Amino acid sequence: MKLEYSPDKDTEELFVTFCDADHGGNPDNRKSTSGVLVKVGRGAVIWISKLQSIVTLSTTEAEHVVGVVGGKEICWLRNMMLELEYKVIGPSQLWIDNQSSMSVAKNPEHHGRMKHLDLWYYWLRDEVGRGTIEPMYLQTDNMPADLLTKSLPKPKVEKL
């Protein structure tokens, strides 16, 4: 196994961000594990696997929390590209495997059921509204960030 830094023929994007959460996966405190993977071309340049600081009450909330983490990585990379005088055009893709959390990020009317979350989690919705980030759906079976949230069988690791 190795990291491979080469162009990705499947996308024209400079970098692609994937995020996933294992809702309530920690048996000791029921906190979820966040996984974020950022690829430039075919190689991973950023990867994060971290226990969330709060206990989320649903899969949607856990996925939204990790979406904020992924969104912050997108903004950091976009700013770095601007400093390197690379013109970033259009929104950057944030791949999520939970359609409900995508709806929360895109539509303010979905926030009524998540009012108890800290206000900084609403940041993602604002960035989507500004056109900086575009949430995209990716089926769980194809989600590379799944590698960062829990133990997986060898065939799935090799696939992702």
Protein backbone atom coordinates (compact mmCIF):
# COMPACT_ATOMS: atom_id res chain seq x y z
CA MET A 1 0.00 0.00 0.00
CA LYS A 2 1.26 3.49 -0.81
CA LEU A 3 0.13 7.04 -1.36
CA GLU A 4 0.08 7.91 -5.03
CA TYR A 5 0.24 11.52 -6.16
CA SER A 6 -0.92 11.64 -9.75
CA PRO A 7 -3.79 13.27 -11.66
CA ASP A 8 -7.23 11.76 -11.12
CA LYS A 9 -8.87 11.09 -14.48
CA ASP A 10 -12.31 10.92 -12.83
CA THR A 11 -12.45 14.60 -11.79
CA GLU A 12 -11.33 18.00 -12.99
CA GLU A 13 -11.30 19.34 -9.42
CA LEU A 14 -7.93 20.33 -7.97
CA PHE A 15 -8.84 18.73 -4.65
CA VAL A 16 -11.78 16.69 -3.38
CA THR A 17 -12.94 16.37 0.24
CA PHE A 18 -14.76 13.39 1.75
CA CYS A 19 -16.30 13.24 5.23
CA ASP A 20 -18.00 10.53 7.25
CA ALA A 21 -19.05 9.84 10.84
CA ASP A 22 -19.60 6.67 12.84
CA HIS A 23 -22.60 7.77 14.91
CA GLY A 24 -22.26 6.82 18.57
CA GLY A 25 -19.49 4.34 17.78
CA ASN A 26 -17.50 4.82 20.98
CA PRO A 27 -18.98 2.34 23.49
CA ASP A 28 -17.57 4.21 26.51
CA ASN A 29 -19.14 7.65 25.92
CA ARG A 30 -21.33 7.16 22.79
CA LYS A 31 -19.48 9.92 20.94
CA SER A 32 -19.09 9.64 17.18
CA THR A 33 -15.85 9.42 15.27
CA SER A 34 -15.28 11.99 12.51
CA GLY A 35 -13.32 11.07 9.42
CA VAL A 36 -12.17 13.61 6.81
CA LEU A 37 -10.06 12.82 3.77
CA VAL A 38 -8.80 15.42 1.29
CA LYS A 39 -7.24 14.25 -1.96
CA VAL A 40 -5.23 16.22 -4.49
CA GLY A 41 -5.33 14.15 -7.61
CA ARG A 42 -5.23 10.52 -6.52
CA GLY A 43 -3.24 11.10 -3.32
CA ALA A 44 -4.38 11.95 0.19
CA VAL A 45 -2.91 15.20 1.51
CA ILE A 46 -5.06 15.65 4.63
CA TRP A 47 -6.68 12.99 6.75
CA ILE A 48 -8.38 13.40 10.11
CA SER A 49 -9.79 10.74 12.41
CA LYS A 50 -11.03 12.22 15.67
CA LEU A 51 -13.66 11.61 18.33
CA GLN A 52 -16.30 14.35 18.20
CA SER A 53 -16.34 16.69 21.20
CA ILE A 54 -20.11 16.37 21.70
CA VAL A 55 -22.60 13.52 21.83
CA THR A 56 -24.85 13.83 18.80
CA LEU A 57 -28.46 12.71 18.94
CA SER A 58 -28.74 11.40 15.38
CA THR A 59 -26.71 10.26 12.40
CA THR A 60 -27.65 13.51 10.66
CA GLU A 61 -26.13 15.54 13.48
CA ALA A 62 -22.95 13.44 13.55
CA GLU A 63 -22.56 13.82 9.77
CA HIS A 64 -23.22 17.56 9.99
CA VAL A 65 -20.54 17.98 12.68
CA VAL A 66 -17.96 16.22 10.49
CA GLY A 67 -19.19 18.24 7.50
CA VAL A 68 -18.15 21.40 9.34
CA VAL A 69 -14.67 19.93 9.90
CA GLY A 70 -14.41 19.02 6.21
CA GLY A 71 -15.68 22.46 5.21
CA LYS A 72 -13.02 24.17 7.29
CA GLU A 73 -10.34 22.10 5.55
CA ILE A 74 -11.79 23.18 2.19
CA CYS A 75 -11.62 26.85 3.16
CA TRP A 76 -8.03 26.46 4.37
CA LEU A 77 -6.97 24.81 1.10
CA ARG A 78 -8.80 27.40 -1.01
CA ASN A 79 -7.02 30.19 0.89
CA MET A 80 -3.67 28.44 0.43
CA MET A 81 -4.32 28.12 -3.31
CA LEU A 82 -5.12 31.85 -3.50
CA GLU A 83 -1.84 32.65 -1.71
CA LEU A 84 -0.05 30.54 -4.33
CA GLU A 85 -1.87 32.66 -6.95
CA TYR A 86 -4.00 29.77 -8.17
CA LYS A 87 -7.45 31.02 -9.13
CA VAL A 88 -10.11 28.92 -7.43
CA ILE A 89 -13.25 28.97 -9.56
CA GLY A 90 -16.63 27.77 -8.34
CA PRO A 91 -17.49 25.81 -5.21
CA SER A 92 -15.32 23.01 -3.85
CA GLN A 93 -16.95 19.62 -3.51
CA LEU A 94 -17.64 18.15 -0.05
CA TRP A 95 -18.69 14.52 -0.45
CA ILE A 96 -21.11 13.28 2.24
CA ASP A 97 -22.84 9.89 2.51
CA ASN A 98 -25.90 11.19 4.39
CA GLN A 99 -28.58 12.94 2.34
CA SER A 100 -30.29 14.39 5.40
CA SER A 101 -27.12 16.19 6.53
CA MET A 102 -26.75 17.54 2.99
CA SER A 103 -30.25 18.98 3.27
CA VAL A 104 -29.36 20.63 6.58
CA ALA A 105 -26.27 22.20 4.96
CA LYS A 106 -28.24 23.48 1.97
CA ASN A 107 -31.62 24.48 3.44
CA PRO A 108 -32.10 26.67 6.51
CA GLU A 109 -35.59 25.29 7.14
CA HIS A 110 -34.06 21.95 8.18
CA HIS A 111 -32.26 23.52 11.13
CA GLY A 112 -35.38 23.56 13.32
CA ARG A 113 -34.68 20.03 14.55
CA MET A 114 -31.05 20.84 15.29
CA LYS A 115 -31.43 24.09 17.25
CA HIS A 116 -29.60 22.58 20.21
CA LEU A 117 -26.30 22.42 18.28
CA ASP A 118 -23.82 25.23 18.89
CA LEU A 119 -24.16 28.12 16.48
CA TRP A 120 -20.78 27.51 14.87
CA TYR A 121 -22.20 24.40 13.23
CA TYR A 122 -24.43 26.73 11.21
CA TRP A 123 -21.24 27.98 9.54
CA LEU A 124 -21.43 25.21 6.92
CA ARG A 125 -24.84 26.39 5.72
CA ASP A 126 -23.45 29.91 5.30
CA GLU A 127 -20.48 28.67 3.26
CA VAL A 128 -22.80 26.64 1.01
CA GLY A 129 -24.95 29.76 0.56
CA ARG A 130 -21.86 31.80 -0.40
CA GLY A 131 -20.98 29.25 -3.08
CA THR A 132 -17.68 28.23 -1.45
CA ILE A 133 -18.71 24.64 -0.74
CA GLU A 134 -21.01 22.31 -2.64
CA PRO A 135 -22.25 19.26 -0.69
CA MET A 136 -22.33 16.19 -2.92
CA TYR A 137 -23.81 12.76 -2.17
CA LEU A 138 -21.63 9.64 -2.29
CA GLN A 139 -22.94 6.19 -1.31
CA THR A 140 -21.49 4.76 1.87
CA ASP A 141 -19.99 1.80 -0.01
CA ASN A 142 -17.78 4.20 -1.97
CA MET A 143 -16.90 6.65 0.84
CA PRO A 144 -13.10 6.74 1.38
CA ALA A 145 -13.50 8.63 4.68
CA ASP A 146 -15.17 5.48 6.07
CA LEU A 147 -11.60 4.18 6.52
CA LEU A 148 -11.08 6.80 9.23
CA THR A 149 -14.16 6.10 11.35
CA LYS A 150 -13.99 2.39 12.22
CA SER A 151 -12.30 -0.93 11.56
CA LEU A 152 -13.18 -2.36 8.16
CA PRO A 153 -12.56 -5.76 6.56
CA LYS A 154 -9.51 -6.02 4.30
CA PRO A 155 -11.46 -6.14 0.98
CA LYS A 156 -13.23 -2.87 1.83
CA VAL A 157 -9.94 -1.22 2.84
CA GLU A 158 -8.38 -2.27 -0.46
CA LYS A 159 -11.40 -0.98 -2.42
CA LEU A 160 -11.41 2.41 -0.71
